[in-house]
């Protein structure tokens, strides 16, 4: 599902490993991720990227202080079970909730291996906790996400040191595969570059960039 995203990230020199669907085999995925993060022969920074249920599992690994993790990216983070009226009623409704990108919609429809109906039930048993995460964290979320509303995600991120939440306008739940997929990938690359060029962990409180992130691009408003 995320080959397009992976190609864009790897084009900038980052090695990408796809670990599979975390909802179908969470223990195996977590074990593989842990092994890769601890592999000191691999170049850094080592970053976990999770989408939807994968974001919940990635957040849990980060909260446990998994060794070797330098950064975390959570895309379309689920915020717990939603009301019954938010569940997709059929495949077309599920597509509408997932993405507005015609290319990705066509691919999902044509893929016999894709697990349909995943949005019918609750996306997560409970709201994920981000407490305990100490590495730089980037959140990507669509403003039009009806599966996991943006306001709920804001509450989850609020008050967490080192966390940045980027909302993408006109974007639905699959924030890495919507019409704004280029913007999403560019945002991820900028985060990775800031992480790669960071001088080291912050020694104390700061009002500038998140700890562990270099201020390589500064927007100025000139009056």
N, C-alpha and C. Protein backbone atom coordinates (compact mmCIF):
# COMPACT_ATOMS: atom_id res chain seq x y z
N UNK A 1 0.80 -1.21 0.00
CA UNK A 1 0.00 0.00 0.00
C UNK A 1 0.84 1.27 0.00
N UNK A 2 2.07 1.17 0.49
CA UNK A 2 2.86 2.39 0.70
C UNK A 2 4.13 2.44 -0.15
N UNK A 3 4.11 1.74 -1.29
CA UNK A 3 5.27 1.77 -2.17
C UNK A 3 5.57 3.18 -2.67
N UNK A 4 4.53 3.93 -3.02
CA UNK A 4 4.72 5.28 -3.54
C UNK A 4 5.42 6.16 -2.49
N UNK A 5 4.94 6.07 -1.26
CA UNK A 5 5.56 6.81 -0.17
C UNK A 5 7.01 6.36 0.04
N UNK A 6 7.22 5.05 0.04
CA UNK A 6 8.57 4.52 0.25
C UNK A 6 9.54 4.96 -0.83
N UNK A 7 9.07 4.99 -2.08
CA UNK A 7 9.94 5.42 -3.19
C UNK A 7 10.36 6.88 -3.02
N UNK A 8 9.43 7.71 -2.58
CA UNK A 8 9.75 9.13 -2.41
C UNK A 8 10.79 9.33 -1.30
N UNK A 9 10.64 8.58 -0.22
CA UNK A 9 11.59 8.73 0.89
C UNK A 9 12.96 8.17 0.50
N UNK A 10 12.97 7.02 -0.17
CA UNK A 10 14.25 6.40 -0.56
C UNK A 10 14.96 7.23 -1.62
N UNK A 11 14.21 8.00 -2.42
CA UNK A 11 14.82 8.85 -3.44
C UNK A 11 15.71 9.92 -2.82
N UNK A 12 15.47 10.23 -1.55
CA UNK A 12 16.29 11.22 -0.85
C UNK A 12 17.41 10.57 -0.05
N UNK A 13 17.67 9.30 -0.31
CA UNK A 13 18.81 8.63 0.29
C UNK A 13 18.54 7.88 1.57
N UNK A 14 17.27 7.75 1.94
CA UNK A 14 16.93 7.03 3.17
C UNK A 14 16.53 5.60 2.85
N UNK A 15 17.02 4.66 3.63
CA UNK A 15 16.68 3.26 3.43
C UNK A 15 15.34 2.98 4.09
N UNK A 16 14.42 2.36 3.34
CA UNK A 16 13.06 2.11 3.82
C UNK A 16 12.83 0.61 3.95
N UNK A 17 12.29 0.19 5.08
CA UNK A 17 11.92 -1.21 5.30
C UNK A 17 10.42 -1.27 5.59
N UNK A 18 9.67 -2.01 4.78
CA UNK A 18 8.24 -2.20 5.00
C UNK A 18 8.04 -3.46 5.82
N UNK A 19 7.34 -3.34 6.94
CA UNK A 19 7.21 -4.46 7.88
C UNK A 19 5.88 -5.19 7.78
N UNK A 20 4.94 -4.68 7.00
CA UNK A 20 3.67 -5.37 6.84
C UNK A 20 2.55 -4.76 7.66
N UNK A 21 1.43 -5.46 7.70
CA UNK A 21 0.22 -4.98 8.38
C UNK A 21 0.30 -5.30 9.87
N UNK A 22 0.44 -4.26 10.68
CA UNK A 22 0.59 -4.47 12.13
C UNK A 22 -0.67 -5.03 12.77
N UNK A 23 -1.83 -4.82 12.14
CA UNK A 23 -3.07 -5.30 12.73
C UNK A 23 -3.24 -6.81 12.59
N UNK A 24 -2.55 -7.43 11.61
CA UNK A 24 -2.70 -8.86 11.39
C UNK A 24 -1.64 -9.69 12.11
N UNK A 25 -0.54 -9.07 12.48
CA UNK A 25 0.51 -9.81 13.20
C UNK A 25 1.34 -8.87 14.04
N UNK A 26 0.74 -8.24 15.06
CA UNK A 26 1.45 -7.21 15.82
C UNK A 26 2.71 -7.68 16.54
N UNK A 27 2.68 -8.91 17.07
CA UNK A 27 3.86 -9.39 17.81
C UNK A 27 5.05 -9.57 16.87
N UNK A 28 4.81 -10.18 15.71
CA UNK A 28 5.89 -10.41 14.75
C UNK A 28 6.43 -9.09 14.22
N UNK A 29 5.53 -8.14 13.94
CA UNK A 29 5.96 -6.84 13.43
C UNK A 29 6.80 -6.12 14.48
N UNK A 30 6.36 -6.15 15.73
CA UNK A 30 7.09 -5.49 16.81
C UNK A 30 8.48 -6.11 16.99
N UNK A 31 8.55 -7.42 16.87
CA UNK A 31 9.84 -8.11 17.02
C UNK A 31 10.80 -7.72 15.90
N UNK A 32 10.28 -7.67 14.66
CA UNK A 32 11.12 -7.29 13.53
C UNK A 32 11.59 -5.85 13.65
N UNK A 33 10.68 -4.96 14.05
CA UNK A 33 11.04 -3.55 14.21
C UNK A 33 12.12 -3.39 15.28
N UNK A 34 11.96 -4.10 16.39
CA UNK A 34 12.94 -4.02 17.47
C UNK A 34 14.31 -4.49 17.02
N UNK A 35 14.35 -5.58 16.25
CA UNK A 35 15.62 -6.10 15.75
C UNK A 35 16.30 -5.10 14.82
N UNK A 36 15.52 -4.47 13.93
CA UNK A 36 16.10 -3.50 13.00
C UNK A 36 16.63 -2.28 13.73
N UNK A 37 15.88 -1.81 14.72
CA UNK A 37 16.30 -0.62 15.46
C UNK A 37 17.59 -0.87 16.24
N UNK A 38 17.78 -2.09 16.69
CA UNK A 38 18.97 -2.42 17.48
C UNK A 38 20.17 -2.80 16.62
N UNK A 39 19.96 -2.89 15.32
CA UNK A 39 21.04 -3.28 14.41
C UNK A 39 21.96 -2.09 14.17
N UNK A 40 23.11 -2.08 14.82
CA UNK A 40 24.02 -0.94 14.73
C UNK A 40 24.76 -0.88 13.40
N UNK A 41 24.60 -1.89 12.56
CA UNK A 41 25.22 -1.84 11.24
C UNK A 41 24.40 -0.99 10.27
N UNK A 42 23.16 -0.70 10.63
CA UNK A 42 22.30 0.12 9.78
C UNK A 42 22.55 1.60 10.06
N UNK A 43 22.48 2.42 9.01
CA UNK A 43 22.73 3.86 9.20
C UNK A 43 21.59 4.52 9.96
N UNK A 44 21.90 5.62 10.62
CA UNK A 44 20.88 6.39 11.30
C UNK A 44 20.56 7.65 10.51
N UNK A 45 19.55 8.38 10.91
CA UNK A 45 18.70 8.08 12.06
C UNK A 45 17.73 6.93 11.76
N UNK A 46 17.38 6.19 12.81
CA UNK A 46 16.44 5.09 12.67
C UNK A 46 15.08 5.57 13.17
N UNK A 47 14.11 5.55 12.28
CA UNK A 47 12.80 6.15 12.57
C UNK A 47 11.70 5.15 12.28
N UNK A 48 10.74 5.07 13.18
CA UNK A 48 9.55 4.25 12.96
C UNK A 48 8.46 5.11 12.34
N UNK A 49 7.85 4.62 11.27
CA UNK A 49 6.70 5.29 10.65
C UNK A 49 5.52 4.34 10.73
N UNK A 50 4.44 4.79 11.33
CA UNK A 50 3.25 3.96 11.43
C UNK A 50 2.03 4.70 10.93
N UNK A 51 1.16 3.99 10.22
CA UNK A 51 -0.08 4.58 9.71
C UNK A 51 -1.27 3.82 10.27
N UNK A 52 -2.28 4.55 10.73
CA UNK A 52 -3.50 3.96 11.30
C UNK A 52 -3.13 3.03 12.46
N UNK A 53 -3.53 1.77 12.42
CA UNK A 53 -3.20 0.85 13.51
C UNK A 53 -1.70 0.74 13.70
N UNK A 54 -0.95 0.81 12.60
CA UNK A 54 0.50 0.78 12.70
C UNK A 54 1.05 1.94 13.51
N UNK A 55 0.36 3.09 13.47
CA UNK A 55 0.78 4.24 14.27
C UNK A 55 0.62 3.95 15.76
N UNK A 56 -0.48 3.28 16.12
CA UNK A 56 -0.69 2.91 17.52
C UNK A 56 0.40 1.98 18.01
N UNK A 57 0.74 0.97 17.20
CA UNK A 57 1.78 0.02 17.60
C UNK A 57 3.15 0.69 17.66
N UNK A 58 3.43 1.60 16.73
CA UNK A 58 4.70 2.31 16.74
C UNK A 58 4.81 3.19 17.99
N UNK A 59 3.70 3.83 18.36
CA UNK A 59 3.70 4.67 19.56
C UNK A 59 3.98 3.85 20.81
N UNK A 60 3.41 2.65 20.86
CA UNK A 60 3.65 1.79 22.03
C UNK A 60 5.12 1.38 22.13
N UNK A 61 5.72 1.04 20.99
CA UNK A 61 7.14 0.68 20.99
C UNK A 61 8.00 1.85 21.46
N UNK A 62 7.66 3.04 20.99
CA UNK A 62 8.43 4.23 21.39
C UNK A 62 8.25 4.52 22.87
N UNK A 63 7.03 4.36 23.38
CA UNK A 63 6.76 4.62 24.79
C UNK A 63 7.51 3.65 25.70
N UNK A 64 7.81 2.46 25.18
CA UNK A 64 8.56 1.47 25.95
C UNK A 64 10.06 1.77 25.98
N UNK A 65 10.47 2.80 25.23
CA UNK A 65 11.88 3.15 25.19
C UNK A 65 12.73 2.18 24.41
N UNK A 66 12.18 1.66 23.31
CA UNK A 66 12.89 0.68 22.49
C UNK A 66 14.26 1.21 22.06
N UNK A 67 15.28 0.43 22.30
CA UNK A 67 16.66 0.86 22.01
C UNK A 67 16.86 1.09 20.51
N UNK A 68 17.63 2.13 20.18
CA UNK A 68 17.98 2.41 18.79
C UNK A 68 17.02 3.33 18.07
N UNK A 69 15.90 3.68 18.69
CA UNK A 69 14.92 4.53 18.03
C UNK A 69 15.32 6.00 18.15
N UNK A 70 15.43 6.67 17.00
CA UNK A 70 15.83 8.08 16.98
C UNK A 70 14.67 9.03 16.74
N UNK A 71 13.59 8.55 16.17
CA UNK A 71 12.46 9.41 15.87
C UNK A 71 11.23 8.59 15.55
N UNK A 72 10.07 9.25 15.58
CA UNK A 72 8.79 8.57 15.40
C UNK A 72 7.88 9.41 14.53
N UNK A 73 7.22 8.76 13.56
CA UNK A 73 6.25 9.44 12.70
C UNK A 73 4.93 8.68 12.76
N UNK A 74 3.88 9.37 13.19
CA UNK A 74 2.56 8.76 13.34
C UNK A 74 1.60 9.40 12.34
N UNK A 75 1.12 8.61 11.39
CA UNK A 75 0.23 9.10 10.35
C UNK A 75 -1.17 8.54 10.56
N UNK A 76 -2.16 9.41 10.62
CA UNK A 76 -3.54 8.95 10.80
C UNK A 76 -3.72 8.17 12.10
N UNK A 77 -3.16 8.68 13.18
CA UNK A 77 -3.21 7.98 14.47
C UNK A 77 -4.65 7.74 14.91
N UNK A 78 -5.05 6.50 15.19
CA UNK A 78 -6.40 6.24 15.70
C UNK A 78 -6.53 6.81 17.11
N UNK A 79 -7.72 7.24 17.44
CA UNK A 79 -7.94 7.83 18.77
C UNK A 79 -8.95 7.03 19.57
N UNK A 80 -9.06 5.74 19.28
CA UNK A 80 -9.98 4.90 20.03
C UNK A 80 -11.25 4.64 19.25
N UNK A 81 -12.12 3.79 19.77
CA UNK A 81 -13.36 3.45 19.07
C UNK A 81 -14.27 4.65 18.94
N UNK A 82 -14.80 4.84 17.73
CA UNK A 82 -15.70 5.94 17.49
C UNK A 82 -17.14 5.50 17.57
N UNK A 83 -18.08 6.44 17.51
CA UNK A 83 -19.49 6.07 17.53
C UNK A 83 -19.87 5.25 16.32
N UNK A 84 -20.93 4.47 16.45
CA UNK A 84 -21.33 3.54 15.39
C UNK A 84 -21.59 4.26 14.07
N UNK A 85 -22.07 5.50 14.14
CA UNK A 85 -22.41 6.19 12.90
C UNK A 85 -21.19 6.58 12.08
N UNK A 86 -19.99 6.48 12.67
CA UNK A 86 -18.78 6.82 11.91
C UNK A 86 -18.24 5.62 11.15
N UNK A 87 -18.80 4.43 11.35
CA UNK A 87 -18.30 3.23 10.67
C UNK A 87 -18.71 3.25 9.20
N UNK A 88 -17.83 2.73 8.34
CA UNK A 88 -18.13 2.65 6.91
C UNK A 88 -19.22 1.62 6.67
N UNK A 89 -20.18 1.96 5.80
CA UNK A 89 -21.32 1.07 5.56
C UNK A 89 -21.04 0.06 4.46
N UNK A 90 -20.20 0.41 3.49
CA UNK A 90 -19.86 -0.49 2.40
C UNK A 90 -18.50 -0.08 1.84
N UNK A 91 -18.08 -0.76 0.76
CA UNK A 91 -16.76 -0.51 0.21
C UNK A 91 -16.60 0.91 -0.31
N UNK A 92 -17.60 1.42 -1.01
CA UNK A 92 -17.50 2.78 -1.54
C UNK A 92 -17.40 3.80 -0.41
N UNK A 93 -18.15 3.56 0.65
CA UNK A 93 -18.08 4.45 1.81
C UNK A 93 -16.71 4.36 2.47
N UNK A 94 -16.17 3.15 2.53
CA UNK A 94 -14.84 2.98 3.12
C UNK A 94 -13.78 3.72 2.30
N UNK A 95 -13.87 3.62 0.97
CA UNK A 95 -12.94 4.36 0.11
C UNK A 95 -13.04 5.86 0.35
N UNK A 96 -14.27 6.35 0.47
CA UNK A 96 -14.48 7.78 0.71
C UNK A 96 -13.79 8.23 1.99
N UNK A 97 -13.85 7.39 3.00
CA UNK A 97 -13.24 7.74 4.28
C UNK A 97 -11.73 7.61 4.25
N UNK A 98 -11.24 6.68 3.45
CA UNK A 98 -9.80 6.44 3.39
C UNK A 98 -9.05 7.52 2.62
N UNK A 99 -9.46 7.80 1.40
CA UNK A 99 -8.65 8.66 0.54
C UNK A 99 -9.48 9.25 -0.59
N UNK A 100 -9.05 10.42 -1.05
CA UNK A 100 -9.67 11.04 -2.23
C UNK A 100 -8.78 10.88 -3.45
N UNK A 101 -7.62 10.24 -3.29
CA UNK A 101 -6.68 10.06 -4.40
C UNK A 101 -7.22 8.99 -5.36
N UNK A 102 -7.53 9.34 -6.61
CA UNK A 102 -8.10 8.35 -7.53
C UNK A 102 -7.16 7.19 -7.83
N UNK A 103 -5.87 7.47 -7.88
CA UNK A 103 -4.90 6.39 -8.15
C UNK A 103 -4.90 5.37 -7.02
N UNK A 104 -4.88 5.84 -5.80
CA UNK A 104 -4.84 4.92 -4.67
C UNK A 104 -6.18 4.20 -4.49
N UNK A 105 -7.27 4.90 -4.75
CA UNK A 105 -8.59 4.25 -4.67
C UNK A 105 -8.68 3.10 -5.67
N UNK A 106 -8.18 3.35 -6.88
CA UNK A 106 -8.20 2.30 -7.90
C UNK A 106 -7.33 1.13 -7.52
N UNK A 107 -6.20 1.41 -6.91
CA UNK A 107 -5.31 0.32 -6.52
C UNK A 107 -5.93 -0.52 -5.41
N UNK A 108 -6.53 0.12 -4.42
CA UNK A 108 -7.16 -0.63 -3.33
C UNK A 108 -8.29 -1.51 -3.86
N UNK A 109 -9.07 -0.97 -4.78
CA UNK A 109 -10.21 -1.71 -5.33
C UNK A 109 -9.74 -2.92 -6.14
N UNK A 110 -8.62 -2.78 -6.84
CA UNK A 110 -8.14 -3.86 -7.70
C UNK A 110 -7.29 -4.89 -6.97
N UNK A 111 -6.92 -4.61 -5.73
CA UNK A 111 -6.03 -5.51 -4.99
C UNK A 111 -6.82 -6.58 -4.25
N UNK A 112 -6.76 -7.85 -4.70
CA UNK A 112 -7.53 -8.91 -4.05
C UNK A 112 -7.02 -9.24 -2.66
N UNK A 113 -5.78 -8.85 -2.36
CA UNK A 113 -5.21 -9.16 -1.05
C UNK A 113 -5.54 -8.11 0.00
N UNK A 114 -6.08 -6.97 -0.44
CA UNK A 114 -6.38 -5.91 0.52
C UNK A 114 -7.55 -6.32 1.41
N UNK A 115 -7.40 -6.10 2.69
CA UNK A 115 -8.42 -6.50 3.66
C UNK A 115 -9.49 -5.41 3.76
N UNK A 116 -10.61 -5.65 3.09
CA UNK A 116 -11.70 -4.68 3.14
C UNK A 116 -12.46 -4.79 4.47
N UNK A 117 -13.13 -3.71 4.82
CA UNK A 117 -13.96 -3.73 6.02
C UNK A 117 -13.23 -3.38 7.29
N UNK A 118 -11.96 -2.98 7.18
CA UNK A 118 -11.19 -2.68 8.39
C UNK A 118 -11.71 -1.44 9.10
N UNK A 119 -12.43 -0.59 8.38
CA UNK A 119 -12.97 0.63 8.99
C UNK A 119 -14.38 0.43 9.52
N UNK A 120 -14.92 -0.77 9.40
CA UNK A 120 -16.29 -1.02 9.87
C UNK A 120 -16.34 -1.02 11.38
N UNK A 121 -15.34 -1.65 12.00
CA UNK A 121 -15.31 -1.74 13.45
C UNK A 121 -14.44 -0.66 14.04
N UNK A 122 -14.26 -0.69 15.36
CA UNK A 122 -13.40 0.28 16.02
C UNK A 122 -11.97 0.17 15.51
N UNK A 123 -11.33 1.30 15.33
CA UNK A 123 -9.96 1.29 14.81
C UNK A 123 -8.95 0.96 15.89
N UNK A 124 -9.31 1.12 17.16
CA UNK A 124 -8.41 0.80 18.26
C UNK A 124 -9.24 0.58 19.51
N UNK A 125 -8.82 -0.31 20.41
CA UNK A 125 -9.60 -0.59 21.60
C UNK A 125 -9.68 0.59 22.54
N UNK A 126 -8.70 1.45 22.54
CA UNK A 126 -8.70 2.62 23.40
C UNK A 126 -7.79 3.67 22.80
N UNK A 127 -7.92 4.91 23.29
CA UNK A 127 -7.07 5.97 22.77
C UNK A 127 -5.62 5.67 23.14
N UNK A 128 -4.71 5.73 22.17
CA UNK A 128 -3.31 5.44 22.48
C UNK A 128 -2.70 6.52 23.35
N UNK A 129 -1.84 6.13 24.25
CA UNK A 129 -1.15 7.12 25.08
C UNK A 129 0.21 7.42 24.47
N UNK A 130 0.54 8.69 24.43
CA UNK A 130 1.84 9.10 23.90
C UNK A 130 2.80 9.43 25.04
N UNK A 131 2.33 9.28 26.26
CA UNK A 131 3.19 9.55 27.41
C UNK A 131 4.35 8.56 27.42
N UNK A 132 5.50 9.05 27.79
CA UNK A 132 6.68 8.19 27.85
C UNK A 132 7.52 8.23 26.59
N UNK A 133 7.00 8.87 25.52
CA UNK A 133 7.77 8.98 24.28
C UNK A 133 8.77 10.13 24.44
N UNK A 134 10.04 9.83 24.30
CA UNK A 134 11.07 10.84 24.52
C UNK A 134 11.82 11.23 23.25
N UNK A 135 11.57 10.52 22.14
CA UNK A 135 12.25 10.85 20.89
C UNK A 135 11.44 11.89 20.12
N UNK A 136 12.06 12.63 19.21
CA UNK A 136 11.32 13.57 18.38
C UNK A 136 10.16 12.87 17.66
N UNK A 137 9.01 13.51 17.67
CA UNK A 137 7.79 12.91 17.15
C UNK A 137 7.12 13.84 16.16
N UNK A 138 6.80 13.30 14.98
CA UNK A 138 6.03 14.02 13.97
C UNK A 138 4.70 13.33 13.77
N UNK A 139 3.63 14.09 13.86
CA UNK A 139 2.31 13.56 13.56
C UNK A 139 1.80 14.15 12.26
N UNK A 140 1.21 13.32 11.40
CA UNK A 140 0.58 13.77 10.16
C UNK A 140 -0.88 13.36 10.21
N UNK A 141 -1.77 14.32 9.96
CA UNK A 141 -3.20 13.99 10.06
C UNK A 141 -4.01 14.85 9.10
N UNK A 142 -5.04 14.24 8.54
CA UNK A 142 -5.89 14.95 7.60
C UNK A 142 -6.97 15.76 8.30
N UNK A 143 -7.23 16.95 7.78
CA UNK A 143 -8.27 17.78 8.37
C UNK A 143 -9.66 17.21 8.13
N UNK A 144 -9.80 16.37 7.10
CA UNK A 144 -11.10 15.79 6.77
C UNK A 144 -11.20 14.33 7.21
N UNK A 145 -10.40 13.93 8.17
CA UNK A 145 -10.42 12.55 8.67
C UNK A 145 -11.64 12.34 9.55
N UNK A 146 -12.59 11.52 9.07
CA UNK A 146 -13.79 11.21 9.86
C UNK A 146 -13.62 9.92 10.66
N UNK A 147 -12.57 9.17 10.38
CA UNK A 147 -12.30 7.93 11.12
C UNK A 147 -11.65 8.25 12.46
N UNK A 148 -10.71 9.16 12.43
CA UNK A 148 -10.00 9.61 13.63
C UNK A 148 -9.93 11.13 13.58
N UNK A 149 -10.94 11.81 14.13
CA UNK A 149 -11.05 13.26 13.98
C UNK A 149 -9.82 14.01 14.50
N UNK A 150 -9.46 15.07 13.79
CA UNK A 150 -8.26 15.83 14.09
C UNK A 150 -8.27 16.40 15.51
N UNK A 151 -9.42 16.86 15.98
CA UNK A 151 -9.47 17.43 17.33
C UNK A 151 -9.07 16.42 18.39
N UNK A 152 -9.46 15.15 18.19
CA UNK A 152 -9.08 14.11 19.15
C UNK A 152 -7.56 13.87 19.12
N UNK A 153 -6.99 13.94 17.93
CA UNK A 153 -5.55 13.75 17.80
C UNK A 153 -4.80 14.91 18.44
N UNK A 154 -5.33 16.11 18.28
CA UNK A 154 -4.71 17.27 18.93
C UNK A 154 -4.64 17.07 20.45
N UNK A 155 -5.71 16.54 21.01
CA UNK A 155 -5.72 16.30 22.45
C UNK A 155 -4.65 15.28 22.85
N UNK A 156 -4.45 14.27 22.00
CA UNK A 156 -3.45 13.24 22.30
C UNK A 156 -2.03 13.82 22.25
N UNK A 157 -1.80 14.77 21.34
CA UNK A 157 -0.47 15.34 21.18
C UNK A 157 -0.19 16.48 22.16
N UNK A 158 -1.24 17.11 22.65
CA UNK A 158 -1.08 18.32 23.45
C UNK A 158 -0.23 18.06 24.70
N UNK A 159 0.72 18.91 24.93
CA UNK A 159 1.53 18.83 26.13
C UNK A 159 2.67 17.85 26.07
N UNK A 160 2.86 17.18 24.92
CA UNK A 160 3.95 16.21 24.81
C UNK A 160 5.20 16.92 24.30
N UNK A 161 6.26 16.99 25.10
CA UNK A 161 7.49 17.68 24.67
C UNK A 161 8.08 17.02 23.42
N UNK A 162 8.51 17.84 22.50
CA UNK A 162 9.17 17.32 21.31
C UNK A 162 8.23 16.82 20.23
N UNK A 163 6.93 17.01 20.41
CA UNK A 163 5.96 16.52 19.42
C UNK A 163 5.54 17.64 18.48
N UNK A 164 5.45 17.33 17.19
CA UNK A 164 4.95 18.27 16.20
C UNK A 164 3.81 17.60 15.45
N UNK A 165 2.70 18.30 15.31
CA UNK A 165 1.55 17.77 14.60
C UNK A 165 1.29 18.64 13.38
N UNK A 166 1.31 18.02 12.20
CA UNK A 166 1.06 18.73 10.94
C UNK A 166 -0.27 18.23 10.38
N UNK A 167 -1.21 19.15 10.19
CA UNK A 167 -2.50 18.78 9.60
C UNK A 167 -2.50 19.17 8.13
N UNK A 168 -2.99 18.27 7.28
CA UNK A 168 -3.01 18.49 5.84
C UNK A 168 -4.43 18.78 5.38
N UNK A 169 -4.61 19.93 4.77
CA UNK A 169 -5.94 20.37 4.35
C UNK A 169 -6.52 19.46 3.28
N UNK A 170 -7.83 19.21 3.38
CA UNK A 170 -8.52 18.41 2.38
C UNK A 170 -8.11 16.96 2.35
N UNK A 171 -7.50 16.48 3.43
CA UNK A 171 -6.96 15.12 3.46
C UNK A 171 -7.77 14.24 4.40
N UNK A 172 -7.98 13.00 3.98
CA UNK A 172 -8.79 12.06 4.76
C UNK A 172 -7.91 11.17 5.62
N UNK A 173 -8.38 9.96 5.93
CA UNK A 173 -7.70 9.16 6.95
C UNK A 173 -6.32 8.65 6.52
N UNK A 174 -6.18 8.19 5.29
CA UNK A 174 -4.89 7.65 4.84
C UNK A 174 -4.01 8.80 4.37
N UNK A 175 -3.44 9.49 5.33
CA UNK A 175 -2.76 10.75 5.05
C UNK A 175 -1.53 10.58 4.15
N UNK A 176 -0.94 9.40 4.11
CA UNK A 176 0.23 9.16 3.25
C UNK A 176 -0.17 8.81 1.83
N UNK A 177 -1.45 8.54 1.60
CA UNK A 177 -1.91 8.09 0.29
C UNK A 177 -3.11 8.89 -0.22
N UNK A 178 -3.20 10.15 0.19
CA UNK A 178 -4.31 10.97 -0.27
C UNK A 178 -3.82 11.92 -1.37
N UNK A 179 -4.66 12.85 -1.76
CA UNK A 179 -4.29 13.78 -2.84
C UNK A 179 -3.11 14.66 -2.44
N UNK A 180 -2.84 14.75 -1.15
CA UNK A 180 -1.71 15.55 -0.66
C UNK A 180 -0.50 14.67 -0.35
N UNK A 181 -0.38 13.52 -1.03
CA UNK A 181 0.70 12.58 -0.70
C UNK A 181 2.08 13.18 -0.92
N UNK A 182 2.22 14.08 -1.90
CA UNK A 182 3.53 14.72 -2.12
C UNK A 182 3.89 15.62 -0.95
N UNK A 183 2.90 16.37 -0.46
CA UNK A 183 3.15 17.24 0.70
C UNK A 183 3.48 16.42 1.93
N UNK A 184 2.77 15.31 2.11
CA UNK A 184 3.04 14.43 3.25
C UNK A 184 4.47 13.90 3.20
N UNK A 185 4.88 13.41 2.02
CA UNK A 185 6.23 12.87 1.88
C UNK A 185 7.29 13.95 2.08
N UNK A 186 7.03 15.15 1.55
CA UNK A 186 7.98 16.24 1.71
C UNK A 186 8.12 16.63 3.18
N UNK A 187 7.02 16.62 3.91
CA UNK A 187 7.05 16.93 5.34
C UNK A 187 7.87 15.89 6.10
N UNK A 188 7.73 14.64 5.71
CA UNK A 188 8.50 13.56 6.34
C UNK A 188 9.99 13.73 6.05
N UNK A 189 10.34 14.04 4.80
CA UNK A 189 11.75 14.21 4.44
C UNK A 189 12.37 15.37 5.22
N UNK A 190 11.64 16.47 5.36
CA UNK A 190 12.16 17.61 6.12
C UNK A 190 12.39 17.22 7.58
N UNK A 191 11.47 16.45 8.15
CA UNK A 191 11.64 15.97 9.52
C UNK A 191 12.88 15.09 9.64
N UNK A 192 13.07 14.19 8.67
CA UNK A 192 14.23 13.30 8.69
C UNK A 192 15.54 14.09 8.55
N UNK A 193 15.53 15.11 7.71
CA UNK A 193 16.72 15.93 7.54
C UNK A 193 17.05 16.69 8.83
N UNK A 194 16.05 17.23 9.47
CA UNK A 194 16.27 17.93 10.74
C UNK A 194 16.81 16.97 11.79
N UNK A 195 16.32 15.74 11.76
CA UNK A 195 16.79 14.73 12.71
C UNK A 195 18.23 14.33 12.40
N UNK A 196 18.51 14.16 11.12
CA UNK A 196 19.85 13.73 10.70
C UNK A 196 20.91 14.77 11.02
N UNK A 197 20.57 16.04 10.89
CA UNK A 197 21.54 17.12 11.08
C UNK A 197 21.57 17.68 12.49
N UNK A 198 20.77 17.12 13.38
CA UNK A 198 20.73 17.61 14.76
C UNK A 198 22.07 17.37 15.44
N UNK A 199 22.54 18.33 16.25
CA UNK A 199 23.83 18.18 16.92
C UNK A 199 23.82 17.16 18.04
N UNK A 200 22.63 16.85 18.58
CA UNK A 200 22.56 15.90 19.69
C UNK A 200 21.37 16.24 20.56
N UNK A 201 21.11 15.45 21.60
CA UNK A 201 19.97 15.69 22.48
C UNK A 201 20.06 17.05 23.15
N UNK A 202 18.92 17.67 23.32
CA UNK A 202 18.88 18.96 24.00
C UNK A 202 19.23 18.78 25.47
N UNK A 203 19.98 19.77 26.04
CA UNK A 203 20.42 19.65 27.43
C UNK A 203 19.43 20.24 28.40
N UNK A 204 18.42 20.92 27.92
CA UNK A 204 17.46 21.53 28.82
C UNK A 204 16.26 22.02 28.06
N UNK A 205 15.30 22.70 28.75
CA UNK A 205 14.10 23.21 28.10
C UNK A 205 14.46 24.19 26.99
N UNK A 206 13.67 24.17 25.95
CA UNK A 206 13.91 25.08 24.84
C UNK A 206 12.60 25.52 24.24
N UNK A 207 12.58 26.77 23.72
CA UNK A 207 11.37 27.27 23.07
C UNK A 207 11.51 27.20 21.56
N UNK A 208 12.62 26.65 21.08
CA UNK A 208 12.88 26.54 19.66
C UNK A 208 12.40 25.22 19.11
N UNK A 209 13.19 24.62 18.19
CA UNK A 209 12.80 23.35 17.59
C UNK A 209 12.68 22.25 18.63
N UNK A 210 11.97 21.20 18.29
CA UNK A 210 11.84 20.07 19.20
C UNK A 210 13.22 19.49 19.49
N UNK A 211 13.42 18.95 20.71
CA UNK A 211 14.71 18.35 21.06
C UNK A 211 15.14 17.32 20.03
N UNK A 212 16.40 17.40 19.60
CA UNK A 212 16.90 16.43 18.64
C UNK A 212 16.64 16.79 17.20
N UNK A 213 16.12 18.00 16.94
CA UNK A 213 15.82 18.43 15.57
C UNK A 213 16.59 19.70 15.26
N UNK A 214 17.27 19.71 14.12
CA UNK A 214 18.04 20.89 13.71
C UNK A 214 17.12 21.90 13.02
N UNK A 215 17.31 23.20 13.29
CA UNK A 215 16.49 24.25 12.66
C UNK A 215 17.02 24.59 11.27
N UNK A 216 16.87 23.67 10.32
CA UNK A 216 17.48 23.88 9.01
C UNK A 216 16.66 24.78 8.10
N UNK A 217 15.39 24.99 8.42
CA UNK A 217 14.56 25.88 7.62
C UNK A 217 13.73 26.73 8.57
N UNK A 218 13.89 28.03 8.47
CA UNK A 218 13.19 28.95 9.37
C UNK A 218 12.33 29.89 8.53
N UNK A 219 11.05 29.90 8.79
CA UNK A 219 10.13 30.79 8.09
C UNK A 219 10.09 32.14 8.78
N UNK A 220 10.27 33.21 8.02
CA UNK A 220 10.24 34.55 8.57
C UNK A 220 9.13 35.35 7.90
N UNK A 221 8.42 36.11 8.70
CA UNK A 221 7.41 37.02 8.19
C UNK A 221 7.96 38.44 8.28
N UNK A 222 8.18 39.07 7.15
CA UNK A 222 8.78 40.40 7.12
C UNK A 222 7.69 41.43 6.84
N UNK A 223 7.58 42.37 7.75
CA UNK A 223 6.55 43.41 7.62
C UNK A 223 7.18 44.68 7.09
